[in-house]
Every structure is written in C-alpha cells, then in structure tokens.
Amino acid sequence: MLGRRAAIKVLHSTFLHDAAIVTRFFNEAHAATDDPCCAP
C-alpha cells in the first residue's frame, strides 16, 4: 500500500479501436511515471 490516496486511469473498451485515443492514453501514462509524485 502507498499509505495515501491514489487514482487509477482506465481506458474504456469502447475506445480500444481508436488508435489516436490509445496512443494518447499510453503517452499520458508514460508521462505520469516521469513525475516524482506518481508511483510507477
């Protein structure tokens, strides 16, 4: 446990066939892991 509140971002299956949305989703996830305030 992190000992604090955390948010989880989930991509709805409706958008799995939209390459632009999937790419943006993964880009945002990778960017968040570069933030020292976010756990990888």
PDB file of N, CA and C in Angstrom:
ATOM      1  N   MET A   1       0.831  -1.181   0.000  1.00  0.00           N
ATOM      2  CA  MET A   1       0.000   0.000   0.000  1.00  0.00           C
ATOM      3  C   MET A   1       0.880   1.251   0.000  1.00  0.00           C
ATOM      4  N   LEU A   2       0.378   2.278  -0.623  1.00  0.00           N
ATOM      5  CA  LEU A   2       1.122   3.528  -0.707  1.00  0.00           C
ATOM      6  C   LEU A   2       0.986   4.382   0.548  1.00  0.00           C
ATOM      7  N   GLY A   3      -0.062   4.111   1.334  1.00  0.00           N
ATOM      8  CA  GLY A   3      -0.284   4.921   2.516  1.00  0.00           C
ATOM      9  C   GLY A   3      -0.899   6.270   2.200  1.00  0.00           C
ATOM     10  N   ARG A   4      -1.450   6.398   1.007  1.00  0.00           N
ATOM     11  CA  ARG A   4      -2.108   7.637   0.575  1.00  0.00           C
ATOM     12  C   ARG A   4      -3.123   7.313  -0.496  1.00  0.00           C
ATOM     13  N   ARG A   5      -3.943   8.279  -0.807  1.00  0.00           N
ATOM     14  CA  ARG A   5      -4.934   8.070  -1.863  1.00  0.00           C
ATOM     15  C   ARG A   5      -4.251   8.026  -3.227  1.00  0.00           C
ATOM     16  N   ALA A   6      -4.811   7.240  -4.108  1.00  0.00           N
ATOM     17  CA  ALA A   6      -4.254   7.127  -5.457  1.00  0.00           C
ATOM     18  C   ALA A   6      -5.392   7.079  -6.465  1.00  0.00           C
ATOM     19  N   ALA A   7      -5.097   7.507  -7.653  1.00  0.00           N
ATOM     20  CA  ALA A   7      -6.071   7.461  -8.742  1.00  0.00           C
ATOM     21  C   ALA A   7      -5.594   6.461  -9.788  1.00  0.00           C
ATOM     22  N   ILE A   8      -6.540   5.782 -10.378  1.00  0.00           N
ATOM     23  CA  ILE A   8      -6.229   4.829 -11.441  1.00  0.00           C
ATOM     24  C   ILE A   8      -6.999   5.255 -12.674  1.00  0.00           C
ATOM     25  N   LYS A   9      -6.287   5.396 -13.763  1.00  0.00           N
ATOM     26  CA  LYS A   9      -6.923   5.782 -15.019  1.00  0.00           C
ATOM     27  C   LYS A   9      -7.172   4.511 -15.827  1.00  0.00           C
ATOM     28  N   VAL A  10      -8.385   4.382 -16.343  1.00  0.00           N
ATOM     29  CA  VAL A  10      -8.783   3.195 -17.087  1.00  0.00           C
ATOM     30  C   VAL A  10      -9.342   3.628 -18.435  1.00  0.00           C
ATOM     31  N   LEU A  11      -8.941   2.942 -19.478  1.00  0.00           N
ATOM     32  CA  LEU A  11      -9.465   3.223 -20.816  1.00  0.00           C
ATOM     33  C   LEU A  11     -10.637   2.293 -21.084  1.00  0.00           C
ATOM     34  N   HIS A  12     -11.774   2.868 -21.341  1.00  0.00           N
ATOM     35  CA  HIS A  12     -12.981   2.072 -21.604  1.00  0.00           C
ATOM     36  C   HIS A  12     -12.794   1.295 -22.909  1.00  0.00           C
ATOM     37  N   SER A  13     -13.301   0.084 -22.940  1.00  0.00           N
ATOM     38  CA  SER A  13     -13.127  -0.796 -24.103  1.00  0.00           C
ATOM     39  C   SER A  13     -13.732  -0.211 -25.383  1.00  0.00           C
ATOM     40  N   THR A  14     -14.650   0.723 -25.253  1.00  0.00           N
ATOM     41  CA  THR A  14     -15.247   1.380 -26.427  1.00  0.00           C
ATOM     42  C   THR A  14     -14.173   2.058 -27.283  1.00  0.00           C
ATOM     43  N   PHE A  15     -13.100   2.526 -26.632  1.00  0.00           N
ATOM     44  CA  PHE A  15     -12.082   3.310 -27.328  1.00  0.00           C
ATOM     45  C   PHE A  15     -10.880   2.494 -27.791  1.00  0.00           C
ATOM     46  N   LEU A  16     -10.895   1.190 -27.581  1.00  0.00           N
ATOM     47  CA  LEU A  16      -9.744   0.365 -27.922  1.00  0.00           C
ATOM     48  C   LEU A  16      -9.433   0.329 -29.416  1.00  0.00           C
ATOM     49  N   HIS A  17     -10.400   0.628 -30.248  1.00  0.00           N
ATOM     50  CA  HIS A  17     -10.186   0.572 -31.695  1.00  0.00           C
ATOM     51  C   HIS A  17      -9.820   1.930 -32.284  1.00  0.00           C
ATOM     52  N   ASP A  18      -9.679   2.948 -31.427  1.00  0.00           N
ATOM     53  CA  ASP A  18      -9.295   4.288 -31.875  1.00  0.00           C
ATOM     54  C   ASP A  18      -7.818   4.480 -31.550  1.00  0.00           C
ATOM     55  N   ALA A  19      -6.978   4.343 -32.559  1.00  0.00           N
ATOM     56  CA  ALA A  19      -5.530   4.381 -32.351  1.00  0.00           C
ATOM     57  C   ALA A  19      -5.061   5.687 -31.736  1.00  0.00           C
ATOM     58  N   ALA A  20      -5.663   6.804 -32.085  1.00  0.00           N
ATOM     59  CA  ALA A  20      -5.254   8.096 -31.538  1.00  0.00           C
ATOM     60  C   ALA A  20      -5.528   8.167 -30.035  1.00  0.00           C
ATOM     61  N   ILE A  21      -6.657   7.663 -29.607  1.00  0.00           N
ATOM     62  CA  ILE A  21      -7.003   7.684 -28.182  1.00  0.00           C
ATOM     63  C   ILE A  21      -6.104   6.732 -27.404  1.00  0.00           C
ATOM     64  N   VAL A  22      -5.858   5.558 -27.947  1.00  0.00           N
ATOM     65  CA  VAL A  22      -4.984   4.591 -27.271  1.00  0.00           C
ATOM     66  C   VAL A  22      -3.569   5.157 -27.153  1.00  0.00           C
ATOM     67  N   THR A  23      -3.072   5.771 -28.199  1.00  0.00           N
ATOM     68  CA  THR A  23      -1.736   6.371 -28.172  1.00  0.00           C
ATOM     69  C   THR A  23      -1.661   7.470 -27.129  1.00  0.00           C
ATOM     70  N   ARG A  24      -2.660   8.336 -27.099  1.00  0.00           N
ATOM     71  CA  ARG A  24      -2.684   9.420 -26.116  1.00  0.00           C
ATOM     72  C   ARG A  24      -2.736   8.855 -24.689  1.00  0.00           C
ATOM     73  N   PHE A  25      -3.546   7.814 -24.493  1.00  0.00           N
ATOM     74  CA  PHE A  25      -3.667   7.179 -23.180  1.00  0.00           C
ATOM     75  C   PHE A  25      -2.299   6.677 -22.697  1.00  0.00           C
ATOM     76  N   PHE A  26      -1.574   5.967 -23.558  1.00  0.00           N
ATOM     77  CA  PHE A  26      -0.272   5.435 -23.165  1.00  0.00           C
ATOM     78  C   PHE A  26       0.763   6.545 -23.005  1.00  0.00           C
ATOM     79  N   ASN A  27       0.702   7.585 -23.833  1.00  0.00           N
ATOM     80  CA  ASN A  27       1.622   8.715 -23.677  1.00  0.00           C
ATOM     81  C   ASN A  27       1.424   9.394 -22.327  1.00  0.00           C
ATOM     82  N   GLU A  28       0.162   9.573 -21.937  1.00  0.00           N
ATOM     83  CA  GLU A  28      -0.127  10.179 -20.640  1.00  0.00           C
ATOM     84  C   GLU A  28       0.346   9.281 -19.501  1.00  0.00           C
ATOM     85  N   ALA A  29       0.191   7.981 -19.656  1.00  0.00           N
ATOM     86  CA  ALA A  29       0.649   7.048 -18.621  1.00  0.00           C
ATOM     87  C   ALA A  29       2.164   7.106 -18.472  1.00  0.00           C
ATOM     88  N   HIS A  30       2.872   7.158 -19.580  1.00  0.00           N
ATOM     89  CA  HIS A  30       4.335   7.241 -19.525  1.00  0.00           C
ATOM     90  C   HIS A  30       4.774   8.574 -18.929  1.00  0.00           C
ATOM     91  N   ALA A  31       4.091   9.646 -19.269  1.00  0.00           N
ATOM     92  CA  ALA A  31       4.426  10.966 -18.723  1.00  0.00           C
ATOM     93  C   ALA A  31       4.223  10.986 -17.211  1.00  0.00           C
ATOM     94  N   ALA A  32       3.175  10.315 -16.738  1.00  0.00           N
ATOM     95  CA  ALA A  32       2.903  10.284 -15.300  1.00  0.00           C
ATOM     96  C   ALA A  32       3.998   9.549 -14.546  1.00  0.00           C
ATOM     97  N   THR A  33       4.620   8.551 -15.153  1.00  0.00           N
ATOM     98  CA  THR A  33       5.672   7.816 -14.459  1.00  0.00           C
ATOM     99  C   THR A  33       6.950   8.640 -14.340  1.00  0.00           C
ATOM    100  N   ASP A  34       7.063   9.707 -15.129  1.00  0.00           N
ATOM    101  CA  ASP A  34       8.220  10.602 -15.013  1.00  0.00           C
ATOM    102  C   ASP A  34       8.045  11.601 -13.881  1.00  0.00           C
ATOM    103  N   ASP A  35       6.836  11.722 -13.345  1.00  0.00           N
ATOM    104  CA  ASP A  35       6.530  12.647 -12.263  1.00  0.00           C
ATOM    105  C   ASP A  35       6.916  11.993 -10.941  1.00  0.00           C
ATOM    106  N   PRO A  36       7.786  12.625 -10.151  1.00  0.00           N
ATOM    107  CA  PRO A  36       8.224  12.015  -8.900  1.00  0.00           C
ATOM    108  C   PRO A  36       7.081  11.846  -7.877  1.00  0.00           C
ATOM    109  N   CYS A  37       5.968  12.523  -8.102  1.00  0.00           N
ATOM    110  CA  CYS A  37       4.828  12.402  -7.182  1.00  0.00           C
ATOM    111  C   CYS A  37       3.958  11.199  -7.515  1.00  0.00           C
ATOM    112  N   CYS A  38       4.218  10.554  -8.646  1.00  0.00           N
ATOM    113  CA  CYS A  38       3.404   9.414  -9.082  1.00  0.00           C
ATOM    114  C   CYS A  38       4.194   8.117  -8.957  1.00  0.00           C
ATOM    115  N   ALA A  39       3.535   7.108  -8.470  1.00  0.00           N
ATOM    116  CA  ALA A  39       4.177   5.798  -8.390  1.00  0.00           C
ATOM    117  C   ALA A  39       4.085   5.122  -9.758  1.00  0.00           C
ATOM    118  N   PRO A  40       5.154   4.468 -10.188  1.00  0.00           N
ATOM    119  CA  PRO A  40       5.112   3.792 -11.497  1.00  0.00           C
ATOM    120  C   PRO A  40       4.203   2.577 -11.487  1.00  0.00           C
TER     121      PRO A  40
END
